[in-house]
Amino acid sequence: MSLTSVLRTLAARFALQGQPVRLTMVAIFCVTTIGSAHGAEAQKPNVVFFLVDDLGYMDIGANNPETFYETPHVDR
């Protein structure tokens, strides 16, 4: 079974259930797994995800220097 047919099957299954978040997660998983399986040299990722609750765009130092939260590494 080819990767394309697997992705189509998964997409059809999750789309019918009305769960686009699951479809997105499956797609991200497939892309990252395929990318790492092709013998690429292992590297540290250069991406950082911040998962926060109730944080506005003016709450970090990069956007507002007078903020309570100091974010020197994000400010660079």
PDB file of N, CA and C in Angstrom:
ATOM      1  N   MET A   1       0.856  -1.171   0.000  1.00  0.00           N
ATOM      2  CA  MET A   1       0.000   0.000   0.000  1.00  0.00           C
ATOM      3  C   MET A   1       0.901   1.233   0.000  1.00  0.00           C
ATOM      4  N   SER A   2       0.658   2.167  -0.898  1.00  0.00           N
ATOM      5  CA  SER A   2       1.511   3.347  -1.005  1.00  0.00           C
ATOM      6  C   SER A   2       1.139   4.382   0.051  1.00  0.00           C
ATOM      7  N   LEU A   3       2.061   5.290   0.278  1.00  0.00           N
ATOM      8  CA  LEU A   3       1.841   6.343   1.264  1.00  0.00           C
ATOM      9  C   LEU A   3       0.671   7.233   0.865  1.00  0.00           C
ATOM     10  N   THR A   4       0.547   7.493  -0.405  1.00  0.00           N
ATOM     11  CA  THR A   4      -0.547   8.339  -0.885  1.00  0.00           C
ATOM     12  C   THR A   4      -1.899   7.722  -0.573  1.00  0.00           C
ATOM     13  N   SER A   5      -2.029   6.426  -0.797  1.00  0.00           N
ATOM     14  CA  SER A   5      -3.312   5.780  -0.514  1.00  0.00           C
ATOM     15  C   SER A   5      -3.593   5.738   0.986  1.00  0.00           C
ATOM     16  N   VAL A   6      -2.548   5.570   1.792  1.00  0.00           N
ATOM     17  CA  VAL A   6      -2.735   5.590   3.250  1.00  0.00           C
ATOM     18  C   VAL A   6      -3.226   6.957   3.693  1.00  0.00           C
ATOM     19  N   LEU A   7      -2.589   8.020   3.188  1.00  0.00           N
ATOM     20  CA  LEU A   7      -3.003   9.372   3.563  1.00  0.00           C
ATOM     21  C   LEU A   7      -4.423   9.672   3.095  1.00  0.00           C
ATOM     22  N   ARG A   8      -4.775   9.217   1.902  1.00  0.00           N
ATOM     23  CA  ARG A   8      -6.141   9.431   1.411  1.00  0.00           C
ATOM     24  C   ARG A   8      -7.159   8.700   2.276  1.00  0.00           C
ATOM     25  N   THR A   9      -6.828   7.474   2.670  1.00  0.00           N
ATOM     26  CA  THR A   9      -7.726   6.702   3.526  1.00  0.00           C
ATOM     27  C   THR A   9      -7.906   7.386   4.873  1.00  0.00           C
ATOM     28  N   LEU A  10      -6.786   7.829   5.466  1.00  0.00           N
ATOM     29  CA  LEU A  10      -6.870   8.523   6.751  1.00  0.00           C
ATOM     30  C   LEU A  10      -7.635   9.835   6.617  1.00  0.00           C
ATOM     31  N   ALA A  11      -7.379  10.567   5.549  1.00  0.00           N
ATOM     32  CA  ALA A  11      -8.070  11.838   5.340  1.00  0.00           C
ATOM     33  C   ALA A  11      -9.570  11.622   5.208  1.00  0.00           C
ATOM     34  N   ALA A  12      -9.970  10.617   4.450  1.00  0.00           N
ATOM     35  CA  ALA A  12     -11.394  10.337   4.274  1.00  0.00           C
ATOM     36  C   ALA A  12     -12.028   9.916   5.593  1.00  0.00           C
ATOM     37  N   ARG A  13     -11.318   9.114   6.343  1.00  0.00           N
ATOM     38  CA  ARG A  13     -11.867   8.629   7.616  1.00  0.00           C
ATOM     39  C   ARG A  13     -12.086   9.774   8.596  1.00  0.00           C
ATOM     40  N   PHE A  14     -11.077  10.628   8.746  1.00  0.00           N
ATOM     41  CA  PHE A  14     -11.185  11.705   9.720  1.00  0.00           C
ATOM     42  C   PHE A  14     -12.062  12.846   9.225  1.00  0.00           C
ATOM     43  N   ALA A  15     -12.090  13.087   7.929  1.00  0.00           N
ATOM     44  CA  ALA A  15     -12.935  14.156   7.390  1.00  0.00           C
ATOM     45  C   ALA A  15     -14.407  13.815   7.576  1.00  0.00           C
ATOM     46  N   LEU A  16     -14.745  12.544   7.431  1.00  0.00           N
ATOM     47  CA  LEU A  16     -16.133  12.141   7.608  1.00  0.00           C
ATOM     48  C   LEU A  16     -16.579  12.293   9.050  1.00  0.00           C
ATOM     49  N   GLN A  17     -15.653  12.203   9.981  1.00  0.00           N
ATOM     50  CA  GLN A  17     -15.996  12.352  11.385  1.00  0.00           C
ATOM     51  C   GLN A  17     -16.019  13.817  11.802  1.00  0.00           C
ATOM     52  N   GLY A  18     -15.607  14.724  10.903  1.00  0.00           N
ATOM     53  CA  GLY A  18     -15.621  16.144  11.221  1.00  0.00           C
ATOM     54  C   GLY A  18     -14.552  16.527  12.222  1.00  0.00           C
ATOM     55  N   GLN A  19     -13.391  15.912  12.126  1.00  0.00           N
ATOM     56  CA  GLN A  19     -12.323  16.181  13.080  1.00  0.00           C
ATOM     57  C   GLN A  19     -11.072  16.658  12.340  1.00  0.00           C
ATOM     58  N   PRO A  20     -11.046  17.917  11.902  1.00  0.00           N
ATOM     59  CA  PRO A  20      -9.903  18.409  11.143  1.00  0.00           C
ATOM     60  C   PRO A  20      -8.620  18.480  11.968  1.00  0.00           C
ATOM     61  N   VAL A  21      -8.740  18.588  13.274  1.00  0.00           N
ATOM     62  CA  VAL A  21      -7.541  18.643  14.117  1.00  0.00           C
ATOM     63  C   VAL A  21      -6.804  17.314  14.061  1.00  0.00           C
ATOM     64  N   ARG A  22      -7.525  16.234  14.122  1.00  0.00           N
ATOM     65  CA  ARG A  22      -6.891  14.917  14.037  1.00  0.00           C
ATOM     66  C   ARG A  22      -6.230  14.719  12.680  1.00  0.00           C
ATOM     67  N   LEU A  23      -6.888  15.160  11.629  1.00  0.00           N
ATOM     68  CA  LEU A  23      -6.318  15.045  10.293  1.00  0.00           C
ATOM     69  C   LEU A  23      -5.015  15.829  10.202  1.00  0.00           C
ATOM     70  N   THR A  24      -5.004  17.007  10.763  1.00  0.00           N
ATOM     71  CA  THR A  24      -3.787  17.821  10.759  1.00  0.00           C
ATOM     72  C   THR A  24      -2.674  17.130  11.527  1.00  0.00           C
ATOM     73  N   MET A  25      -2.993  16.567  12.671  1.00  0.00           N
ATOM     74  CA  MET A  25      -1.977  15.882  13.477  1.00  0.00           C
ATOM     75  C   MET A  25      -1.439  14.651  12.747  1.00  0.00           C
ATOM     76  N   VAL A  26      -2.306  13.916  12.085  1.00  0.00           N
ATOM     77  CA  VAL A  26      -1.865  12.744  11.322  1.00  0.00           C
ATOM     78  C   VAL A  26      -0.956  13.176  10.183  1.00  0.00           C
ATOM     79  N   ALA A  27      -1.318  14.249   9.499  1.00  0.00           N
ATOM     80  CA  ALA A  27      -0.493  14.741   8.390  1.00  0.00           C
ATOM     81  C   ALA A  27       0.876  15.194   8.884  1.00  0.00           C
ATOM     82  N   ILE A  28       0.922  15.910   9.998  1.00  0.00           N
ATOM     83  CA  ILE A  28       2.203  16.352  10.563  1.00  0.00           C
ATOM     84  C   ILE A  28       3.042  15.149  10.958  1.00  0.00           C
ATOM     85  N   PHE A  29       2.416  14.162  11.579  1.00  0.00           N
ATOM     86  CA  PHE A  29       3.145  12.960  11.978  1.00  0.00           C
ATOM     87  C   PHE A  29       3.731  12.252  10.762  1.00  0.00           C
ATOM     88  N   CYS A  30       2.931  12.105   9.709  1.00  0.00           N
ATOM     89  CA  CYS A  30       3.408  11.412   8.502  1.00  0.00           C
ATOM     90  C   CYS A  30       4.558  12.164   7.851  1.00  0.00           C
ATOM     91  N   VAL A  31       4.448  13.465   7.754  1.00  0.00           N
ATOM     92  CA  VAL A  31       5.498  14.260   7.110  1.00  0.00           C
ATOM     93  C   VAL A  31       6.793  14.193   7.905  1.00  0.00           C
ATOM     94  N   THR A  32       6.717  14.313   9.221  1.00  0.00           N
ATOM     95  CA  THR A  32       7.938  14.272  10.029  1.00  0.00           C
ATOM     96  C   THR A  32       8.541  12.880  10.055  1.00  0.00           C
ATOM     97  N   THR A  33       7.719  11.856  10.050  1.00  0.00           N
ATOM     98  CA  THR A  33       8.237  10.491  10.045  1.00  0.00           C
ATOM     99  C   THR A  33       8.915  10.167   8.725  1.00  0.00           C
ATOM    100  N   ILE A  34       8.305  10.556   7.633  1.00  0.00           N
ATOM    101  CA  ILE A  34       8.890  10.294   6.317  1.00  0.00           C
ATOM    102  C   ILE A  34      10.190  11.063   6.155  1.00  0.00           C
ATOM    103  N   GLY A  35      10.221  12.296   6.617  1.00  0.00           N
ATOM    104  CA  GLY A  35      11.427  13.109   6.506  1.00  0.00           C
ATOM    105  C   GLY A  35      12.589  12.537   7.289  1.00  0.00           C
ATOM    106  N   SER A  36      12.321  11.965   8.442  1.00  0.00           N
ATOM    107  CA  SER A  36      13.400  11.416   9.255  1.00  0.00           C
ATOM    108  C   SER A  36      13.794  10.013   8.806  1.00  0.00           C
ATOM    109  N   ALA A  37      12.951   9.349   8.052  1.00  0.00           N
ATOM    110  CA  ALA A  37      13.238   7.980   7.630  1.00  0.00           C
ATOM    111  C   ALA A  37      14.113   7.912   6.386  1.00  0.00           C
ATOM    112  N   HIS A  38      14.377   9.024   5.750  1.00  0.00           N
ATOM    113  CA  HIS A  38      15.145   9.027   4.512  1.00  0.00           C
ATOM    114  C   HIS A  38      16.643   9.155   4.747  1.00  0.00           C
ATOM    115  N   GLY A  39      17.117   8.863   5.913  1.00  0.00           N
ATOM    116  CA  GLY A  39      18.546   8.852   6.182  1.00  0.00           C
ATOM    117  C   GLY A  39      19.159  10.230   6.313  1.00  0.00           C
ATOM    118  N   ALA A  40      18.368  11.219   6.610  1.00  0.00           N
ATOM    119  CA  ALA A  40      18.909  12.557   6.800  1.00  0.00           C
ATOM    120  C   ALA A  40      19.730  12.588   8.084  1.00  0.00           C
ATOM    121  N   GLU A  41      20.755  13.422   8.068  1.00  0.00           N
ATOM    122  CA  GLU A  41      21.610  13.546   9.243  1.00  0.00           C
ATOM    123  C   GLU A  41      20.802  14.152  10.391  1.00  0.00           C
ATOM    124  N   ALA A  42      20.943  13.564  11.560  1.00  0.00           N
ATOM    125  CA  ALA A  42      20.192  14.037  12.717  1.00  0.00           C
ATOM    126  C   ALA A  42      20.717  15.402  13.152  1.00  0.00           C
ATOM    127  N   GLN A  43      19.811  16.341  13.342  1.00  0.00           N
ATOM    128  CA  GLN A  43      20.154  17.682  13.783  1.00  0.00           C
ATOM    129  C   GLN A  43      19.197  18.088  14.890  1.00  0.00           C
ATOM    130  N   LYS A  44      19.631  19.054  15.674  1.00  0.00           N
ATOM    131  CA  LYS A  44      18.721  19.617  16.653  1.00  0.00           C
ATOM    132  C   LYS A  44      17.728  20.506  15.914  1.00  0.00           C
ATOM    133  N   PRO A  45      16.461  20.450  16.279  1.00  0.00           N
ATOM    134  CA  PRO A  45      15.482  21.292  15.594  1.00  0.00           C
ATOM    135  C   PRO A  45      15.712  22.768  15.906  1.00  0.00           C
ATOM    136  N   ASN A  46      15.381  23.605  14.950  1.00  0.00           N
ATOM    137  CA  ASN A  46      15.548  25.039  15.113  1.00  0.00           C
ATOM    138  C   ASN A  46      14.184  25.713  15.208  1.00  0.00           C
ATOM    139  N   VAL A  47      13.223  25.019  15.819  1.00  0.00           N
ATOM    140  CA  VAL A  47      11.866  25.528  15.944  1.00  0.00           C
ATOM    141  C   VAL A  47      11.440  25.388  17.396  1.00  0.00           C
ATOM    142  N   VAL A  48      10.793  26.420  17.905  1.00  0.00           N
ATOM    143  CA  VAL A  48      10.299  26.396  19.279  1.00  0.00           C
ATOM    144  C   VAL A  48       8.818  26.742  19.255  1.00  0.00           C
ATOM    145  N   PHE A  49       8.013  25.935  19.902  1.00  0.00           N
ATOM    146  CA  PHE A  49       6.586  26.204  20.024  1.00  0.00           C
ATOM    147  C   PHE A  49       6.304  26.654  21.447  1.00  0.00           C
ATOM    148  N   PHE A  50       5.605  27.771  21.576  1.00  0.00           N
ATOM    149  CA  PHE A  50       5.171  28.253  22.879  1.00  0.00           C
ATOM    150  C   PHE A  50       3.691  27.934  23.011  1.00  0.00           C
ATOM    151  N   LEU A  51       3.343  27.159  24.006  1.00  0.00           N
ATOM    152  CA  LEU A  51       1.945  26.831  24.257  1.00  0.00           C
ATOM    153  C   LEU A  51       1.556  27.510  25.564  1.00  0.00           C
ATOM    154  N   VAL A  52       0.810  28.594  25.460  1.00  0.00           N
ATOM    155  CA  VAL A  52       0.431  29.370  26.642  1.00  0.00           C
ATOM    156  C   VAL A  52      -1.069  29.622  26.613  1.00  0.00           C
ATOM    157  N   ASP A  53      -1.588  29.913  27.769  1.00  0.00           N
ATOM    158  CA  ASP A  53      -3.005  30.203  27.892  1.00  0.00           C
ATOM    159  C   ASP A  53      -3.166  31.646  28.358  1.00  0.00           C
ATOM    160  N   ASP A  54      -4.015  32.392  27.696  1.00  0.00           N
ATOM    161  CA  ASP A  54      -4.360  33.757  28.077  1.00  0.00           C
ATOM    162  C   ASP A  54      -3.151  34.692  28.040  1.00  0.00           C
ATOM    163  N   LEU A  55      -2.364  34.615  26.989  1.00  0.00           N
ATOM    164  CA  LEU A  55      -1.216  35.498  26.809  1.00  0.00           C
ATOM    165  C   LEU A  55      -1.477  36.348  25.575  1.00  0.00           C
ATOM    166  N   GLY A  56      -1.528  37.643  25.759  1.00  0.00           N
ATOM    167  CA  GLY A  56      -1.748  38.557  24.644  1.00  0.00           C
ATOM    168  C   GLY A  56      -0.445  38.905  23.949  1.00  0.00           C
ATOM    169  N   TYR A  57      -0.546  39.502  22.773  1.00  0.00           N
ATOM    170  CA  TYR A  57       0.659  39.802  22.009  1.00  0.00           C
ATOM    171  C   TYR A  57       1.486  40.909  22.660  1.00  0.00           C
ATOM    172  N   MET A  58       0.906  41.719  23.534  1.00  0.00           N
ATOM    173  CA  MET A  58       1.659  42.780  24.210  1.00  0.00           C
ATOM    174  C   MET A  58       2.200  42.323  25.564  1.00  0.00           C
ATOM    175  N   ASP A  59       2.096  41.047  25.890  1.00  0.00           N
ATOM    176  CA  ASP A  59       2.532  40.547  27.191  1.00  0.00           C
ATOM    177  C   ASP A  59       3.986  40.110  27.229  1.00  0.00           C
ATOM    178  N   ILE A  60       4.671  40.075  26.103  1.00  0.00           N
ATOM    179  CA  ILE A  60       6.079  39.677  26.104  1.00  0.00           C
ATOM    180  C   ILE A  60       6.943  40.877  25.742  1.00  0.00           C
ATOM    181  N   GLY A  61       8.195  40.832  26.155  1.00  0.00           N
ATOM    182  CA  GLY A  61       9.102  41.952  25.961  1.00  0.00           C
ATOM    183  C   GLY A  61       9.403  42.275  24.516  1.00  0.00           C
ATOM    184  N   ALA A  62       9.257  41.331  23.617  1.00  0.00           N
ATOM    185  CA  ALA A  62       9.538  41.589  22.205  1.00  0.00           C
ATOM    186  C   ALA A  62       8.562  42.610  21.622  1.00  0.00           C
ATOM    187  N   ASN A  63       7.357  42.665  22.139  1.00  0.00           N
ATOM    188  CA  ASN A  63       6.345  43.591  21.630  1.00  0.00           C
ATOM    189  C   ASN A  63       6.104  44.781  22.544  1.00  0.00           C
ATOM    190  N   ASN A  64       6.460  44.665  23.803  1.00  0.00           N
ATOM    191  CA  ASN A  64       6.199  45.724  24.775  1.00  0.00           C
ATOM    192  C   ASN A  64       7.339  45.744  25.788  1.00  0.00           C
ATOM    193  N   PRO A  65       8.273  46.690  25.672  1.00  0.00           N
ATOM    194  CA  PRO A  65       9.421  46.701  26.581  1.00  0.00           C
ATOM    195  C   PRO A  65       9.060  46.984  28.035  1.00  0.00           C
ATOM    196  N   GLU A  66       7.865  47.474  28.305  1.00  0.00           N
ATOM    197  CA  GLU A  66       7.455  47.787  29.676  1.00  0.00           C
ATOM    198  C   GLU A  66       6.645  46.659  30.306  1.00  0.00           C
ATOM    199  N   THR A  67       6.758  45.472  29.790  1.00  0.00           N
ATOM    200  CA  THR A  67       5.955  44.353  30.271  1.00  0.00           C
ATOM    201  C   THR A  67       6.512  43.774  31.568  1.00  0.00           C
ATOM    202  N   PHE A  68       5.678  43.026  32.248  1.00  0.00           N
ATOM    203  CA  PHE A  68       6.075  42.360  33.492  1.00  0.00           C
ATOM    204  C   PHE A  68       6.967  41.155  33.216  1.00  0.00           C
ATOM    205  N   TYR A  69       6.717  40.475  32.105  1.00  0.00           N
ATOM    206  CA  TYR A  69       7.466  39.270  31.763  1.00  0.00           C
ATOM    207  C   TYR A  69       8.696  39.637  30.944  1.00  0.00           C
ATOM    208  N   GLU A  70       9.859  39.211  31.384  1.00  0.00           N
ATOM    209  CA  GLU A  70      11.087  39.458  30.643  1.00  0.00           C
ATOM    210  C   GLU A  70      11.352  38.277  29.715  1.00  0.00           C
ATOM    211  N   THR A  71      11.582  38.573  28.451  1.00  0.00           N
ATOM    212  CA  THR A  71      11.844  37.530  27.454  1.00  0.00           C
ATOM    213  C   THR A  71      13.072  37.914  26.630  1.00  0.00           C
ATOM    214  N   PRO A  72      14.269  37.879  27.223  1.00  0.00           N
ATOM    215  CA  PRO A  72      15.460  38.345  26.500  1.00  0.00           C
ATOM    216  C   PRO A  72      15.812  37.490  25.288  1.00  0.00           C
ATOM    217  N   HIS A  73      15.581  36.201  25.340  1.00  0.00           N
ATOM    218  CA  HIS A  73      15.936  35.345  24.205  1.00  0.00           C
ATOM    219  C   HIS A  73      14.950  35.500  23.051  1.00  0.00           C
ATOM    220  N   VAL A  74      13.699  35.767  23.351  1.00  0.00           N
ATOM    221  CA  VAL A  74      12.712  36.004  22.306  1.00  0.00           C
ATOM    222  C   VAL A  74      12.934  37.383  21.687  1.00  0.00           C
ATOM    223  N   ASP A  75      13.433  38.328  22.481  1.00  0.00           N
ATOM    224  CA  ASP A  75      13.655  39.690  21.996  1.00  0.00           C
ATOM    225  C   ASP A  75      14.774  39.773  20.964  1.00  0.00           C
ATOM    226  N   ARG A  76      15.663  38.799  20.925  1.00  0.00           N
ATOM    227  CA  ARG A  76      16.793  38.861  19.985  1.00  0.00           C
ATOM    228  C   ARG A  76      16.373  38.796  18.565  1.00  0.00           C
TER     229      ARG A  76
END
